[in-house]
C-alpha atoms as a PDB file:
ATOM      1  CA  MET A   1      36.913 124.450 109.953  1.00  0.00           C
ATOM      2  CA  ARG A   2      36.627 121.188 112.048  1.00  0.00           C
ATOM      3  CA  VAL A   3      39.991 119.565 112.450  1.00  0.00           C
ATOM      4  CA  CYS A   4      41.032 116.811 114.782  1.00  0.00           C
ATOM      5  CA  TYR A   5      44.143 114.998 116.092  1.00  0.00           C
ATOM      6  CA  VAL A   6      44.644 111.337 115.485  1.00  0.00           C
ATOM      7  CA  LYS A   7      47.067 109.303 117.611  1.00  0.00           C
ATOM      8  CA  GLU A   8      48.027 105.716 118.278  1.00  0.00           C
ATOM      9  CA  GLY A   9      46.917 103.855 121.422  1.00  0.00           C
ATOM     10  CA  ASP A  10      49.096 102.688 124.243  1.00  0.00           C
ATOM     11  CA  VAL A  11      50.215  99.021 124.469  1.00  0.00           C
ATOM     12  CA  GLU A  12      47.619  97.615 126.785  1.00  0.00           C
ATOM     13  CA  ILE A  13      44.566  99.460 125.423  1.00  0.00           C
ATOM     14  CA  SER A  14      45.570  98.879 121.760  1.00  0.00           C
ATOM     15  CA  CYS A  15      46.164  95.128 122.183  1.00  0.00           C
ATOM     16  CA  TYR A  16      42.816  94.714 123.894  1.00  0.00           C
ATOM     17  CA  LEU A  17      40.968  96.810 121.262  1.00  0.00           C
ATOM     18  CA  TYR A  18      42.578  94.940 118.363  1.00  0.00           C
ATOM     19  CA  ARG A  19      40.990  91.664 119.518  1.00  0.00           C
ATOM     20  CA  LEU A  20      37.552  92.994 120.309  1.00  0.00           C
ATOM     21  CA  PHE A  21      35.591  95.737 118.740  1.00  0.00           C
ATOM     22  CA  ASN A  22      38.147  97.940 116.721  1.00  0.00           C
ATOM     23  CA  VAL A  23      37.105 100.910 118.801  1.00  0.00           C
ATOM     24  CA  VAL A  24      38.260 104.441 117.737  1.00  0.00           C
ATOM     25  CA  HIS A  25      38.071 106.469 120.968  1.00  0.00           C
ATOM     26  CA  ALA A  26      37.087 110.111 120.618  1.00  0.00           C
ATOM     27  CA  GLN A  27      37.672 112.769 123.403  1.00  0.00           C
ATOM     28  CA  THR A  28      37.862 116.502 123.636  1.00  0.00           C
ATOM     29  CA  ILE A  29      40.717 118.033 125.705  1.00  0.00           C
ATOM     30  CA  ASN A  30      41.302 121.743 125.895  1.00  0.00           C
ATOM     31  CA  GLU A  31      38.945 122.238 122.938  1.00  0.00           C
ATOM     32  CA  LYS A  32      41.071 119.887 120.815  1.00  0.00           C
ATOM     33  CA  GLU A  33      39.224 116.853 119.382  1.00  0.00           C
ATOM     34  CA  ILE A  34      41.505 113.861 119.744  1.00  0.00           C
ATOM     35  CA  TYR A  35      40.859 110.347 118.111  1.00  0.00           C
ATOM     36  CA  THR A  36      42.773 107.245 119.311  1.00  0.00           C
ATOM     37  CA  LEU A  37      43.152 104.407 116.921  1.00  0.00           C
ATOM     38  CA  PRO A  38      43.451 100.760 118.041  1.00  0.00           C
ATOM     39  CA  ILE A  39      46.835 100.691 116.589  1.00  0.00           C
ATOM     40  CA  CYS A  40      49.993 100.427 118.862  1.00  0.00           C
ATOM     41  CA  THR A  41      53.215 101.602 117.041  1.00  0.00           C
ATOM     42  CA  LYS A  42      55.436 101.064 120.002  1.00  0.00           C
ATOM     43  CA  GLY A  43      54.370  97.580 121.198  1.00  0.00           C
ATOM     44  CA  ASP A  44      53.573  96.170 117.873  1.00  0.00           C
ATOM     45  CA  ALA A  45      56.298  97.010 115.394  1.00  0.00           C
ATOM     46  CA  ASP A  46      54.934  94.995 112.492  1.00  0.00           C
ATOM     47  CA  ILE A  47      51.346  96.160 112.251  1.00  0.00           C
ATOM     48  CA  SER A  48      49.337  94.143 109.743  1.00  0.00           C
ATOM     49  CA  SER A  49      47.722  95.796 106.719  1.00  0.00           C
ATOM     50  CA  TYR A  50      44.487  94.244 107.886  1.00  0.00           C
ATOM     51  CA  ARG A  51      44.564  96.121 111.300  1.00  0.00           C
ATOM     52  CA  ILE A  52      45.536  99.352 109.520  1.00  0.00           C
ATOM     53  CA  LYS A  53      42.698  99.074 106.966  1.00  0.00           C
ATOM     54  CA  ARG A  54      40.234  98.105 109.662  1.00  0.00           C
ATOM     55  CA  ALA A  55      41.171 101.005 111.858  1.00  0.00           C
ATOM     56  CA  ALA A  56      41.162 103.521 108.907  1.00  0.00           C
ATOM     57  CA  LYS A  57      37.667 102.409 107.830  1.00  0.00           C
ATOM     58  CA  LYS A  58      36.358 103.007 111.357  1.00  0.00           C
ATOM     59  CA  LEU A  59      38.052 106.341 111.642  1.00  0.00           C
ATOM     60  CA  VAL A  60      36.730 107.581 108.263  1.00  0.00           C
ATOM     61  CA  LYS A  61      33.315 106.657 109.302  1.00  0.00           C
ATOM     62  CA  LYS A  62      33.568 108.710 112.487  1.00  0.00           C
ATOM     63  CA  LEU A  63      35.177 111.660 110.775  1.00  0.00           C
ATOM     64  CA  LYS A  64      32.432 111.821 108.113  1.00  0.00           C
ATOM     65  CA  ALA A  65      29.708 111.497 110.757  1.00  0.00           C
ATOM     66  CA  ASN A  66      31.234 114.406 112.516  1.00  0.00           C
ATOM     67  CA  GLN A  67      31.871 116.431 109.372  1.00  0.00           C
ATOM     68  CA  ILE A  68      35.663 116.539 110.029  1.00  0.00           C
ATOM     69  CA  LYS A  69      37.582 116.887 106.763  1.00  0.00           C
ATOM     70  CA  SER A  70      41.161 117.515 108.043  1.00  0.00           C
ATOM     71  CA  VAL A  71      43.299 115.563 110.486  1.00  0.00           C
ATOM     72  CA  ALA A  72      46.621 116.075 112.232  1.00  0.00           C
ATOM     73  CA  LEU A  73      48.375 112.696 112.499  1.00  0.00           C
ATOM     74  CA  SER A  74      50.854 111.832 115.164  1.00  0.00           C
ATOM     75  CA  GLU A  75      54.446 111.460 114.223  1.00  0.00           C
ATOM     76  CA  ASP A  76      54.264 107.741 114.388  1.00  0.00           C
ATOM     77  CA  LEU A  77      51.049 107.410 112.441  1.00  0.00           C
ATOM     78  CA  SER A  78      52.349 109.919 109.781  1.00  0.00           C
ATOM     79  CA  LYS A  79      54.910 107.150 108.941  1.00  0.00           C
ATOM     80  CA  ILE A  80      52.165 104.515 108.062  1.00  0.00           C
ATOM     81  CA  GLU A  81      51.690 105.097 104.209  1.00  0.00           C
ATOM     82  CA  LEU A  82      48.689 102.764 104.026  1.00  0.00           C
ATOM     83  CA  LEU A  83      46.829 104.654 106.696  1.00  0.00           C
ATOM     84  CA  LYS A  84      47.480 107.965 104.839  1.00  0.00           C
ATOM     85  CA  SER A  85      46.510 106.476 101.620  1.00  0.00           C
ATOM     86  CA  LYS A  86      43.169 105.329 102.976  1.00  0.00           C
ATOM     87  CA  LEU A  87      42.429 108.705 104.472  1.00  0.00           C
ATOM     88  CA  ASP A  88      43.354 110.420 101.285  1.00  0.00           C
ATOM     89  CA  SER A  89      41.213 108.173  99.071  1.00  0.00           C
ATOM     90  CA  ASN A  90      38.287 108.962 101.294  1.00  0.00           C
ATOM     91  CA  GLY A  91      38.681 112.798 100.934  1.00  0.00           C
ATOM     92  CA  ILE A  92      40.345 113.387 104.282  1.00  0.00           C
ATOM     93  CA  ASN A  93      43.056 116.074 104.173  1.00  0.00           C
ATOM     94  CA  ILE A  94      46.178 115.353 106.257  1.00  0.00           C
ATOM     95  CA  LEU A  95      47.844 118.272 107.730  1.00  0.00           C
ATOM     96  CA  ASP A  96      51.564 118.132 107.206  1.00  0.00           C
ATOM     97  CA  GLY A  97      52.809 121.680 107.601  1.00  0.00           C
ATOM     98  CA  ARG A  98      52.672 122.449 104.009  1.00  0.00           C
ATOM     99  CA  ILE A  99      49.771 124.973 104.298  1.00  0.00           C
ATOM    100  CA  LEU A 100      51.999 126.895 106.786  1.00  0.00           C
ATOM    101  CA  PHE A 101      55.082 126.483 104.725  1.00  0.00           C
ATOM    102  CA  ASN A 102      53.343 128.421 101.914  1.00  0.00           C
ATOM    103  CA  TYR A 103      52.968 131.387 104.115  1.00  0.00           C
ATOM    104  CA  LEU A 104      56.468 131.156 105.515  1.00  0.00           C
ATOM    105  CA  VAL A 105      58.185 131.883 102.093  1.00  0.00           C
ATOM    106  CA  TYR A 106      59.063 135.442 103.002  1.00  0.00           C
ATOM    107  CA  ASP A 107      60.369 134.380 106.388  1.00  0.00           C
ATOM    108  CA  ALA A 108      62.681 131.702 104.630  1.00  0.00           C
ATOM    109  CA  LEU A 109      63.952 134.244 102.175  1.00  0.00           C
ATOM    110  CA  LYS A 110      64.797 136.673 104.877  1.00  0.00           C
ATOM    111  CA  TYR A 111      66.517 133.973 106.960  1.00  0.00           C
ATOM    112  CA  ILE A 112      68.560 132.971 103.854  1.00  0.00           C
ATOM    113  CA  ALA A 113      69.465 136.597 103.133  1.00  0.00           C
ATOM    114  CA  ASP A 114      70.408 137.236 106.760  1.00  0.00           C
ATOM    115  CA  ILE A 115      72.775 134.118 107.038  1.00  0.00           C
ATOM    116  CA  GLY A 116      74.363 135.189 103.622  1.00  0.00           C
ATOM    117  CA  GLY A 117      74.875 138.727 104.906  1.00  0.00           C
ATOM    118  CA  LYS A 118      72.606 140.047 102.069  1.00  0.00           C
ATOM    119  CA  GLU A 119      69.508 142.214 101.822  1.00  0.00           C
ATOM    120  CA  ILE A 120      66.336 140.701 100.283  1.00  0.00           C
ATOM    121  CA  LYS A 121      66.105 143.754  97.991  1.00  0.00           C
ATOM    122  CA  ASP A 122      69.445 142.853  96.372  1.00  0.00           C
ATOM    123  CA  MET A 123      68.537 139.188  95.606  1.00  0.00           C
ATOM    124  CA  GLU A 124      67.279 137.567  92.381  1.00  0.00           C
ATOM    125  CA  VAL A 125      64.472 135.120  93.016  1.00  0.00           C
ATOM    126  CA  SER A 126      62.744 132.757  90.629  1.00  0.00           C
ATOM    127  CA  ILE A 127      59.327 131.184  91.140  1.00  0.00           C
ATOM    128  CA  LEU A 128      58.603 127.834  89.603  1.00  0.00           C
ATOM    129  CA  ALA A 129      54.843 127.668  88.877  1.00  0.00           C
ATOM    130  CA  ASN A 130      52.537 126.151  86.235  1.00  0.00           C
ATOM    131  CA  VAL A 131      49.194 126.752  88.017  1.00  0.00           C
ATOM    132  CA  SER A 132      48.132 130.374  88.595  1.00  0.00           C
ATOM    133  CA  THR A 133      46.192 130.023  91.865  1.00  0.00           C
ATOM    134  CA  ASP A 134      45.210 133.044  93.893  1.00  0.00           C
ATOM    135  CA  ALA A 135      47.725 132.028  96.531  1.00  0.00           C
ATOM    136  CA  ALA A 136      50.392 131.882  93.883  1.00  0.00           C
ATOM    137  CA  MET A 137      49.546 135.336  92.659  1.00  0.00           C
ATOM    138  CA  GLU A 138      49.688 136.651  96.207  1.00  0.00           C
ATOM    139  CA  LYS A 139      53.288 135.311  96.650  1.00  0.00           C
ATOM    140  CA  ILE A 140      54.428 136.668  93.250  1.00  0.00           C
ATOM    141  CA  LYS A 141      53.113 140.136  94.145  1.00  0.00           C
ATOM    142  CA  ALA A 142      54.495 140.111  97.638  1.00  0.00           C
ATOM    143  CA  LEU A 143      57.921 138.941  96.610  1.00  0.00           C
ATOM    144  CA  ALA A 144      58.176 141.220  93.529  1.00  0.00           C
ATOM    145  CA  GLU A 145      57.758 144.179  95.861  1.00  0.00           C
ATOM    146  CA  LYS A 146      60.613 142.962  98.019  1.00  0.00           C
ATOM    147  CA  VAL A 147      63.405 141.463  95.780  1.00  0.00           C
ATOM    148  CA  LYS A 148      65.767 142.964  93.162  1.00  0.00           C
ATOM    149  CA  THR A 149      64.489 140.759  90.355  1.00  0.00           C
ATOM    150  CA  LEU A 150      61.628 138.320  90.314  1.00  0.00           C
ATOM    151  CA  ASN A 151      61.404 135.650  87.550  1.00  0.00           C
ATOM    152  CA  ILE A 152      58.538 133.233  86.895  1.00  0.00           C
ATOM    153  CA  ILE A 153      59.537 129.952  85.124  1.00  0.00           C
ATOM    154  CA  THR A 154      56.581 128.123  83.810  1.00  0.00           C
ATOM    155  CA  ASN A 155      55.301 125.887  81.062  1.00  0.00           C
ATOM    156  CA  ASN A 156      52.163 127.974  81.029  1.00  0.00           C
ATOM    157  CA  ILE A 157      53.775 130.819  79.175  1.00  0.00           C
ATOM    158  CA  GLN A 158      50.614 132.500  77.752  1.00  0.00           C
ATOM    159  CA  LYS A 159      48.838 132.573  80.999  1.00  0.00           C
ATOM    160  CA  PHE A 160      51.717 133.999  82.991  1.00  0.00           C
ATOM    161  CA  LYS A 161      52.579 136.505  80.164  1.00  0.00           C
ATOM    162  CA  ARG A 162      49.148 137.986  80.701  1.00  0.00           C
ATOM    163  CA  ILE A 163      49.812 138.183  84.379  1.00  0.00           C
ATOM    164  CA  GLU A 164      53.135 139.831  83.715  1.00  0.00           C
ATOM    165  CA  SER A 165      51.408 142.488  81.718  1.00  0.00           C
ATOM    166  CA  ILE A 166      48.709 143.010  84.323  1.00  0.00           C
ATOM    167  CA  PHE A 167      51.173 143.376  87.091  1.00  0.00           C
ATOM    168  CA  TYR A 168      53.298 145.917  85.168  1.00  0.00           C
ATOM    169  CA  ASN A 169      50.413 147.963  83.634  1.00  0.00           C
ATOM    170  CA  GLU A 170      48.078 148.082  86.678  1.00  0.00           C
ATOM    171  CA  MET A 171      50.497 147.913  89.607  1.00  0.00           C
ATOM    172  CA  GLY A 172      53.811 148.897  88.230  1.00  0.00           C
ATOM    173  CA  ILE A 173      55.447 145.700  89.276  1.00  0.00           C
ATOM    174  CA  LEU A 174      58.012 144.213  86.988  1.00  0.00           C
ATOM    175  CA  ILE A 175      58.448 140.503  86.666  1.00  0.00           C
ATOM    176  CA  LYS A 176      60.039 138.341  84.004  1.00  0.00           C
ATOM    177  CA  VAL A 177      58.363 135.216  82.603  1.00  0.00           C
ATOM    178  CA  SER A 178      60.375 132.532  80.856  1.00  0.00           C
ATOM    179  CA  ASN A 179      60.642 128.788  80.088  1.00  0.00           C
ATOM    180  CA  ASN A 180      64.272 128.583  78.938  1.00  0.00           C
ATOM    181  CA  LYS A 181      65.515 125.409  80.485  1.00  0.00           C
ATOM    182  CA  ASN A 182      69.189 126.332  79.939  1.00  0.00           C
ATOM    183  CA  LYS A 183      69.418 130.019  80.827  1.00  0.00           C
ATOM    184  CA  ALA A 184      66.297 131.051  82.913  1.00  0.00           C
ATOM    185  CA  LEU A 185      67.721 130.165  86.275  1.00  0.00           C
ATOM    186  CA  LEU A 186      71.471 130.693  85.825  1.00  0.00           C
ATOM    187  CA  ARG A 187      71.571 134.121  87.822  1.00  0.00           C
ATOM    188  CA  THR A 188      69.077 133.076  90.500  1.00  0.00           C
ATOM    189  CA  ASP A 189      70.005 133.326  94.105  1.00  0.00           C
ATOM    190  CA  ILE A 190      66.911 131.520  95.406  1.00  0.00           C
ATOM    191  CA  ILE A 191      64.280 129.312  93.682  1.00  0.00           C
ATOM    192  CA  VAL A 192      60.855 129.036  95.112  1.00  0.00           C
ATOM    193  CA  ASN A 193      59.297 125.875  93.751  1.00  0.00           C
ATOM    194  CA  LEU A 194      55.456 126.077  94.061  1.00  0.00           C
ATOM    195  CA  ASP A 195      54.397 123.161  91.946  1.00  0.00           C
ATOM    196  CA  PHE A 196      57.114 121.639  89.819  1.00  0.00           C
ATOM    197  CA  SER A 197      57.653 117.870  90.213  1.00  0.00           C
ATOM    198  CA  SER A 198      61.123 116.254  90.697  1.00  0.00           C
ATOM    199  CA  ASP A 199      61.014 115.131  86.998  1.00  0.00           C
ATOM    200  CA  LEU A 200      60.198 118.656  85.786  1.00  0.00           C
ATOM    201  CA  ILE A 201      62.687 120.635  87.831  1.00  0.00           C
ATOM    202  CA  ASN A 202      65.481 118.347  86.834  1.00  0.00           C
ATOM    203  CA  LYS A 203      65.075 119.184  83.348  1.00  0.00           C
ATOM    204  CA  TYR A 204      66.349 122.741  84.083  1.00  0.00           C
ATOM    205  CA  LYS A 205      69.918 123.852  84.344  1.00  0.00           C
ATOM    206  CA  LEU A 206      70.365 124.928  87.996  1.00  0.00           C
ATOM    207  CA  PRO A 207      72.914 127.339  89.413  1.00  0.00           C
ATOM    208  CA  ASP A 208      75.582 125.344  91.174  1.00  0.00           C
ATOM    209  CA  SER A 209      75.129 126.979  94.488  1.00  0.00           C
ATOM    210  CA  CYS A 210      71.580 128.386  94.621  1.00  0.00           C
ATOM    211  CA  ILE A 211      68.972 127.635  97.349  1.00  0.00           C
ATOM    212  CA  ILE A 212      65.757 125.978  96.395  1.00  0.00           C
ATOM    213  CA  LEU A 213      62.598 126.035  98.613  1.00  0.00           C
ATOM    214  CA  ASN A 214      60.222 123.207  97.621  1.00  0.00           C
ATOM    215  CA  ILE A 215      57.001 124.469  99.131  1.00  0.00           C
ATOM    216  CA  ASN A 216      54.426 121.827  98.441  1.00  0.00           C
ATOM    217  CA  ASP A 217      56.348 118.617  97.910  1.00  0.00           C
ATOM    218  CA  ASN A 218      59.645 116.911  98.566  1.00  0.00           C
ATOM    219  CA  ILE A 219      62.005 117.195  95.744  1.00  0.00           C
ATOM    220  CA  ILE A 220      65.222 115.351  94.873  1.00  0.00           C
ATOM    221  CA  ILE A 221      67.828 117.227  92.821  1.00  0.00           C
ATOM    222  CA  LYS A 222      69.724 114.818  90.580  1.00  0.00           C
ATOM    223  CA  SER A 223      72.383 117.058  89.085  1.00  0.00           C
ATOM    224  CA  LYS A 224      75.807 116.050  90.282  1.00  0.00           C
ATOM    225  CA  LYS A 225      76.940 119.577  89.738  1.00  0.00           C
ATOM    226  CA  PHE A 226      74.466 121.026  92.118  1.00  0.00           C
ATOM    227  CA  ASN A 227      76.261 122.158  95.342  1.00  0.00           C
ATOM    228  CA  GLY A 228      73.405 124.283  96.660  1.00  0.00           C
ATOM    229  CA  ILE A 229      70.757 123.550  99.291  1.00  0.00           C
ATOM    230  CA  SER A 230      67.326 122.149  98.540  1.00  0.00           C
ATOM    231  CA  VAL A 231      64.902 122.726 101.451  1.00  0.00           C
ATOM    232  CA  ASN A 232      62.118 120.284 101.606  1.00  0.00           C
ATOM    233  CA  ASP A 233      60.827 120.740 105.154  1.00  0.00           C
ATOM    234  CA  TYR A 234      61.161 122.853 108.282  1.00  0.00           C
ATOM    235  CA  GLU A 235      60.795 122.723 111.998  1.00  0.00           C
ATOM    236  CA  ILE A 236      59.003 125.215 114.229  1.00  0.00           C
ATOM    237  CA  LYS A 237      59.330 125.394 117.951  1.00  0.00           C
ATOM    238  CA  MET A 238      56.310 126.470 119.840  1.00  0.00           C
ATOM    239  CA  PRO A 239      55.845 127.695 123.368  1.00  0.00           C
ATOM    240  CA  THR A 240      55.673 124.634 125.721  1.00  0.00           C
ATOM    241  CA  GLU A 241      51.983 125.365 126.645  1.00  0.00           C
ATOM    242  CA  TYR A 242      50.878 124.847 123.068  1.00  0.00           C
ATOM    243  CA  LYS A 243      52.758 121.613 122.382  1.00  0.00           C
ATOM    244  CA  MET A 244      51.081 118.273 121.812  1.00  0.00           C
ATOM    245  CA  TYR A 245      53.023 115.259 122.852  1.00  0.00           C
ATOM    246  CA  GLY A 246      53.664 112.970 119.874  1.00  0.00           C
ATOM    247  CA  PHE A 247      52.882 115.612 117.298  1.00  0.00           C
ATOM    248  CA  LYS A 248      55.349 117.892 115.362  1.00  0.00           C
ATOM    249  CA  ASP A 249      55.053 121.505 116.359  1.00  0.00           C
ATOM    250  CA  ASN A 250      54.458 122.703 112.676  1.00  0.00           C
ATOM    251  CA  VAL A 251      51.440 120.335 112.395  1.00  0.00           C
ATOM    252  CA  VAL A 252      50.043 121.447 115.787  1.00  0.00           C
ATOM    253  CA  TYR A 253      50.424 125.115 114.682  1.00  0.00           C
ATOM    254  CA  GLU A 254      48.802 124.462 111.377  1.00  0.00           C
ATOM    255  CA  GLU A 255      45.874 122.595 113.241  1.00  0.00           C
ATOM    256  CA  MET A 256      45.356 125.636 115.525  1.00  0.00           C
ATOM    257  CA  LEU A 257      45.164 127.996 112.572  1.00  0.00           C
ATOM    258  CA  CYS A 258      42.747 125.830 110.637  1.00  0.00           C
ATOM    259  CA  ARG A 259      40.599 125.071 113.653  1.00  0.00           C
ATOM    260  CA  GLU A 260      40.201 128.653 114.646  1.00  0.00           C
ATOM    261  CA  GLY A 261      39.756 129.898 111.192  1.00  0.00           C
ATOM    262  CA  LEU A 262      42.606 132.422 111.559  1.00  0.00           C
ATOM    263  CA  GLN A 263      43.797 134.368 108.523  1.00  0.00           C
ATOM    264  CA  PHE A 264      47.522 134.426 107.628  1.00  0.00           C
ATOM    265  CA  GLU A 265      49.194 137.791 107.289  1.00  0.00           C
ATOM    266  CA  LYS A 266      50.995 138.152 103.983  1.00  0.00           C
ATOM    267  CA  ASN A 267      54.481 138.234 105.549  1.00  0.00           C
ATOM    268  CA  ASN A 268      53.677 137.002 109.047  1.00  0.00           C
ATOM    269  CA  PRO A 269      51.533 133.914 109.368  1.00  0.00           C
ATOM    270  CA  GLY A 270      51.651 133.802 113.151  1.00  0.00           C
ATOM    271  CA  ASN A 271      49.422 135.230 115.798  1.00  0.00           C
ATOM    272  CA  LYS A 272      50.349 136.592 119.213  1.00  0.00           C
ATOM    273  CA  ARG A 273      50.277 133.223 120.895  1.00  0.00           C
ATOM    274  CA  CYS A 274      53.045 131.971 118.536  1.00  0.00           C
ATOM    275  CA  GLU A 275      54.940 135.026 117.585  1.00  0.00           C
ATOM    276  CA  ASN A 276      58.003 133.743 119.373  1.00  0.00           C
ATOM    277  CA  ASN A 277      58.245 130.503 117.355  1.00  0.00           C
ATOM    278  CA  LYS A 278      61.730 129.490 116.155  1.00  0.00           C
ATOM    279  CA  ILE A 279      61.904 128.140 112.640  1.00  0.00           C
ATOM    280  CA  ASN A 280      64.629 125.790 111.364  1.00  0.00           C
ATOM    281  CA  TRP A 281      64.714 125.020 107.601  1.00  0.00           C
ATOM    282  CA  LYS A 282      66.010 121.600 106.544  1.00  0.00           C
END
């Protein structure tokens, strides 16, 4: 898969390019494709929407010409919503660490169990999912083999009931499927939210002190009684030689894996170069 980095320009170059040709500079450094936009986030705090749209249009044109469908934005550019909106509307995928987060679920559960002085095999875990993708099925199977009890909370009861039956009859794996908004989650130690929105998850009665892992979106828990932890993001510290100045480590790691076409292991998404990464959940 072709992936590239996109960063802002420095003060002198950006100001010059603003006034002239709206040049998006492309270069390859250490096998990494890097595009520099004629936008200066440090020297020009109030970037006009005209400049952003103009730069985005030129970038999209170059990306499509080079058949690049995914980009890793610098930390500063990732804060510009208009730029992200323009890329998204043109079918450009923005790496944000969420792909990697999907494969770090087991690591997160183990970390939570360790700091709580528990074993994963003694924990009750609930997965919130309405869409039965292959990736979701892999997570369900992997977790069901590791934890004490695995629940699936869904609005798609019929679909997941069939899956419940298949898992039990063909693999001997017991899972429980429910959509009881008042009782389904009450005994849960950890909730793994795969695709519930903020509005949907807030319709359920949550345990006062459970931990929620929001894998694919940022979620705000509105219940005043909730005293647990809602994890929306994570930080990963890579070895110095693989860092990219101005980019988050988790985005760099994700770009490396996508660019090289590496396959994630079920419980260990890393490769030998990054096996010493340190993960902080937040």
